[in-house]
C-alpha atoms as a PDB file:
ATOM      1  CA  MET A   1      -1.646 -19.714  15.262  1.00  0.00           C
ATOM      2  CA  ILE A   2      -2.686 -18.187  11.888  1.00  0.00           C
ATOM      3  CA  ASP A   3       0.421 -17.874   9.862  1.00  0.00           C
ATOM      4  CA  GLN A   4       0.843 -14.374   8.154  1.00  0.00           C
ATOM      5  CA  ARG A   5      -0.690 -13.851   4.728  1.00  0.00           C
ATOM      6  CA  ALA A   6       2.212 -13.160   2.214  1.00  0.00           C
ATOM      7  CA  PRO A   7       2.262  -9.913   0.726  1.00  0.00           C
ATOM      8  CA  ILE A   8       1.625 -10.113  -3.180  1.00  0.00           C
ATOM      9  CA  TYR A   9       3.781  -7.104  -3.885  1.00  0.00           C
ATOM     10  CA  GLN A  10       7.508  -6.447  -3.112  1.00  0.00           C
ATOM     11  CA  TRP A  11       9.302  -3.410  -1.706  1.00  0.00           C
ATOM     12  CA  GLY A  12      10.574  -0.991  -4.275  1.00  0.00           C
ATOM     13  CA  GLN A  13       7.671  -2.127  -6.697  1.00  0.00           C
ATOM     14  CA  LYS A  14       5.763   0.331  -8.905  1.00  0.00           C
ATOM     15  CA  VAL A  15       2.119   0.260  -8.155  1.00  0.00           C
ATOM     16  CA  SER A  16      -1.196   2.303  -8.878  1.00  0.00           C
ATOM     17  CA  THR A  17      -4.120   3.046  -6.988  1.00  0.00           C
ATOM     18  CA  GLU A  18      -7.434   1.479  -7.746  1.00  0.00           C
ATOM     19  CA  VAL A  19      -9.482   4.169  -5.747  1.00  0.00           C
ATOM     20  CA  ASP A  20      -9.104   7.764  -4.687  1.00  0.00           C
ATOM     21  CA  ILE A  21      -7.267   7.888  -1.302  1.00  0.00           C
ATOM     22  CA  PHE A  22      -8.497  10.591   1.277  1.00  0.00           C
ATOM     23  CA  ASN A  23      -7.006  12.199   4.322  1.00  0.00           C
ATOM     24  CA  ASP A  24      -7.938  10.020   7.375  1.00  0.00           C
ATOM     25  CA  GLY A  25      -6.529  12.604   9.796  1.00  0.00           C
ATOM     26  CA  SER A  26      -2.913  11.243   8.960  1.00  0.00           C
ATOM     27  CA  TYR A  27      -2.034  14.326   7.135  1.00  0.00           C
ATOM     28  CA  PRO A  28      -2.872  17.254   9.620  1.00  0.00           C
ATOM     29  CA  ASP A  29      -1.952  19.733   7.107  1.00  0.00           C
ATOM     30  CA  HIS A  30      -4.979  19.040   5.025  1.00  0.00           C
ATOM     31  CA  GLU A  31      -8.675  19.208   5.772  1.00  0.00           C
ATOM     32  CA  PRO A  32     -10.052  15.715   6.832  1.00  0.00           C
ATOM     33  CA  GLU A  33     -11.602  13.650   3.917  1.00  0.00           C
ATOM     34  CA  ALA A  34      -9.454  15.832   1.462  1.00  0.00           C
ATOM     35  CA  LEU A  35      -8.117  13.695  -1.571  1.00  0.00           C
ATOM     36  CA  LEU A  36      -4.501  12.844  -1.261  1.00  0.00           C
ATOM     37  CA  VAL A  37      -4.153  10.687  -4.211  1.00  0.00           C
ATOM     38  CA  ALA A  38      -6.390  10.031  -7.227  1.00  0.00           C
ATOM     39  CA  ALA A  39      -7.300   6.656  -8.620  1.00  0.00           C
ATOM     40  CA  GLY A  40      -4.955   5.591 -11.372  1.00  0.00           C
ATOM     41  CA  THR A  41      -1.921   7.399  -9.514  1.00  0.00           C
ATOM     42  CA  GLU A  42       1.530   5.522  -9.760  1.00  0.00           C
ATOM     43  CA  GLY A  43       3.582   5.153  -6.588  1.00  0.00           C
ATOM     44  CA  GLU A  44       6.518   2.909  -4.968  1.00  0.00           C
ATOM     45  CA  ILE A  45       6.320   0.473  -2.296  1.00  0.00           C
ATOM     46  CA  VAL A  46       8.810   1.810   0.626  1.00  0.00           C
ATOM     47  CA  GLN A  47       7.638  -0.623   3.197  1.00  0.00           C
ATOM     48  CA  ILE A  48       5.722  -3.458   3.823  1.00  0.00           C
ATOM     49  CA  GLY A  49       4.007  -3.954   7.346  1.00  0.00           C
ATOM     50  CA  HIS A  50       1.246  -6.270   8.687  1.00  0.00           C
ATOM     51  CA  HIS A  51      -2.024  -5.498  10.111  1.00  0.00           C
ATOM     52  CA  GLU A  52      -2.309  -7.712  13.355  1.00  0.00           C
ATOM     53  CA  GLU A  53      -6.135  -7.887  13.539  1.00  0.00           C
ATOM     54  CA  ALA A  54      -6.965  -8.736  10.068  1.00  0.00           C
ATOM     55  CA  ASN A  55      -3.867 -10.639   9.365  1.00  0.00           C
ATOM     56  CA  ILE A  56      -3.088  -9.086   6.162  1.00  0.00           C
ATOM     57  CA  PRO A  57      -0.200  -6.945   4.649  1.00  0.00           C
ATOM     58  CA  VAL A  58      -0.051  -3.202   4.749  1.00  0.00           C
ATOM     59  CA  TYR A  59       1.893  -1.328   2.306  1.00  0.00           C
ATOM     60  CA  LEU A  60       3.715   2.077   2.650  1.00  0.00           C
ATOM     61  CA  VAL A  61       3.361   3.633  -0.731  1.00  0.00           C
ATOM     62  CA  GLU A  62       5.218   6.720  -1.717  1.00  0.00           C
ATOM     63  CA  PHE A  63       3.425   8.943  -4.308  1.00  0.00           C
ATOM     64  CA  PRO A  64       4.369  12.194  -6.028  1.00  0.00           C
ATOM     65  CA  GLY A  65       4.091  15.028  -3.977  1.00  0.00           C
ATOM     66  CA  GLY A  66       5.727  13.199  -1.131  1.00  0.00           C
ATOM     67  CA  TYR A  67       2.831  11.413   0.178  1.00  0.00           C
ATOM     68  CA  VAL A  68       3.590   8.286   1.738  1.00  0.00           C
ATOM     69  CA  VAL A  69       0.317   6.375   2.415  1.00  0.00           C
ATOM     70  CA  GLY A  70      -0.762   3.151   3.866  1.00  0.00           C
ATOM     71  CA  CYS A  71      -2.469   0.723   1.538  1.00  0.00           C
ATOM     72  CA  PHE A  72      -4.204  -2.622   1.422  1.00  0.00           C
ATOM     73  CA  GLU A  73      -3.838  -4.887  -1.493  1.00  0.00           C
ATOM     74  CA  GLU A  74      -7.389  -4.441  -2.670  1.00  0.00           C
ATOM     75  CA  GLU A  75      -6.461  -0.483  -2.955  1.00  0.00           C
ATOM     76  CA  LEU A  76      -3.488  -1.025  -5.384  1.00  0.00           C
ATOM     77  CA  ARG A  77      -2.759  -2.846  -8.780  1.00  0.00           C
ATOM     78  CA  SER A  78       0.214  -3.809 -10.558  1.00  0.00           C
ATOM     79  CA  GLU A  79       1.352  -5.559 -14.007  1.00  0.00           C
ATOM     80  CA  LYS A  80       3.398  -7.586 -11.677  1.00  0.00           C
ATOM     81  CA  LYS A  81       2.120  -9.634  -8.537  1.00  0.00           C
ATOM     82  CA  THR A  82       4.721 -11.803  -6.945  1.00  0.00           C
ATOM     83  CA  VAL A  83       4.438 -14.219  -3.823  1.00  0.00           C
ATOM     84  CA  GLN A  84       7.570 -14.755  -2.303  1.00  0.00           C
ATOM     85  CA  VAL A  85       7.880 -18.467  -1.017  1.00  0.00           C
ATOM     86  CA  ALA A  86       9.967 -19.125   2.061  1.00  0.00           C
ATOM     87  CA  GLY A  87      13.102 -21.009   1.504  1.00  0.00           C
ATOM     88  CA  LEU A  88      13.115 -20.451  -2.082  1.00  0.00           C
ATOM     89  CA  LEU A  89      15.605 -17.844  -4.015  1.00  0.00           C
END
Protein backbone atom coordinates (compact mmCIF):
# COMPACT_ATOMS: atom_id res chain seq x y z
CA MET A 1 0.00 0.00 0.00
CA ILE A 2 1.27 3.48 -0.88
CA ASP A 3 1.10 6.07 1.91
CA GLN A 4 -1.00 9.16 1.33
CA ARG A 5 1.03 12.21 0.37
CA ALA A 6 0.96 14.79 3.15
CA PRO A 7 -0.68 18.12 2.28
CA ILE A 8 1.63 21.13 2.06
CA TYR A 9 -1.12 23.57 3.08
CA GLN A 10 -3.13 23.65 6.32
CA TRP A 11 -6.81 24.10 7.08
CA GLY A 12 -7.53 27.83 7.59
CA GLN A 13 -4.47 28.90 5.61
CA LYS A 14 -4.71 31.79 3.14
CA VAL A 15 -3.79 30.81 -0.42
CA SER A 16 -4.01 32.38 -3.87
CA THR A 17 -4.82 30.75 -7.18
CA GLU A 18 -2.04 30.21 -9.71
CA VAL A 19 -4.53 29.77 -12.56
CA ASP A 20 -8.03 30.85 -13.56
CA ILE A 21 -10.64 28.42 -12.23
CA PHE A 22 -13.59 27.64 -14.48
CA ASN A 23 -16.94 25.97 -13.82
CA ASP A 24 -16.64 22.22 -14.40
CA GLY A 25 -20.37 21.78 -13.89
CA SER A 26 -20.20 22.04 -10.09
CA TYR A 27 -22.08 25.35 -10.20
CA PRO A 28 -25.35 24.75 -12.09
CA ASP A 29 -26.32 28.45 -11.77
CA HIS A 30 -23.35 29.37 -13.98
CA GLU A 31 -22.61 28.49 -17.57
CA PRO A 32 -20.26 25.54 -18.13
CA GLU A 33 -16.67 26.77 -18.43
CA ALA A 34 -17.61 30.17 -16.92
CA LEU A 35 -14.80 31.86 -14.97
CA LEU A 36 -15.39 31.34 -11.23
CA VAL A 37 -12.11 32.58 -9.76
CA ALA A 38 -9.44 34.63 -11.53
CA ALA A 39 -5.75 33.79 -11.14
CA GLY A 40 -4.27 35.60 -8.15
CA THR A 41 -7.50 35.62 -6.12
CA GLU A 42 -6.99 34.98 -2.41
CA GLY A 43 -9.05 32.40 -0.53
CA GLU A 44 -8.97 30.29 2.60
CA ILE A 45 -8.66 26.52 2.86
CA VAL A 46 -11.80 25.23 4.59
CA GLN A 47 -11.23 21.49 4.23
CA ILE A 48 -8.57 19.06 3.04
CA GLY A 49 -9.48 15.81 1.33
CA HIS A 50 -7.67 13.18 -0.69
CA HIS A 51 -7.97 12.10 -4.32
CA GLU A 52 -7.83 8.30 -4.07
CA GLU A 53 -6.77 7.46 -7.64
CA ALA A 54 -4.04 10.08 -7.90
CA ASN A 55 -3.00 9.73 -4.22
CA ILE A 56 -2.80 13.53 -3.76
CA PRO A 57 -4.41 16.07 -1.42
CA VAL A 58 -7.42 18.07 -2.61
CA TYR A 59 -8.16 21.40 -0.96
CA LEU A 60 -11.60 22.98 -0.64
CA VAL A 61 -10.93 26.69 -0.84
CA GLU A 62 -13.48 29.41 -0.07
CA PHE A 63 -13.10 32.44 -2.32
CA PRO A 64 -14.85 35.85 -2.27
CA GLY A 65 -18.39 35.61 -3.57
CA GLY A 66 -19.00 32.41 -1.62
CA TYR A 67 -17.37 30.07 -4.11
CA VAL A 68 -15.99 26.93 -2.48
CA VAL A 69 -13.85 25.16 -5.05
CA GLY A 70 -11.79 21.97 -4.97
CA CYS A 71 -8.17 22.71 -5.92
CA PHE A 72 -4.96 20.75 -6.33
CA GLU A 73 -1.62 21.96 -4.92
CA GLU A 74 -0.31 23.04 -8.34
CA GLU A 75 -3.33 25.39 -8.67
CA LEU A 76 -2.49 27.21 -5.42
CA ARG A 77 0.30 29.23 -3.89
CA SER A 78 1.02 30.65 -0.46
CA GLU A 79 3.83 32.49 1.24
CA LYS A 80 4.00 29.64 3.72
CA LYS A 81 3.95 25.95 2.82
CA THR A 82 3.90 23.54 5.70
CA VAL A 83 4.18 19.80 5.94
CA GLN A 84 2.95 18.23 9.14
CA VAL A 85 5.06 15.28 10.24
CA ALA A 86 3.18 12.58 12.12
CA GLY A 87 4.07 12.36 15.79
CA LEU A 88 5.61 15.83 15.99
CA LEU A 89 3.82 18.81 17.50
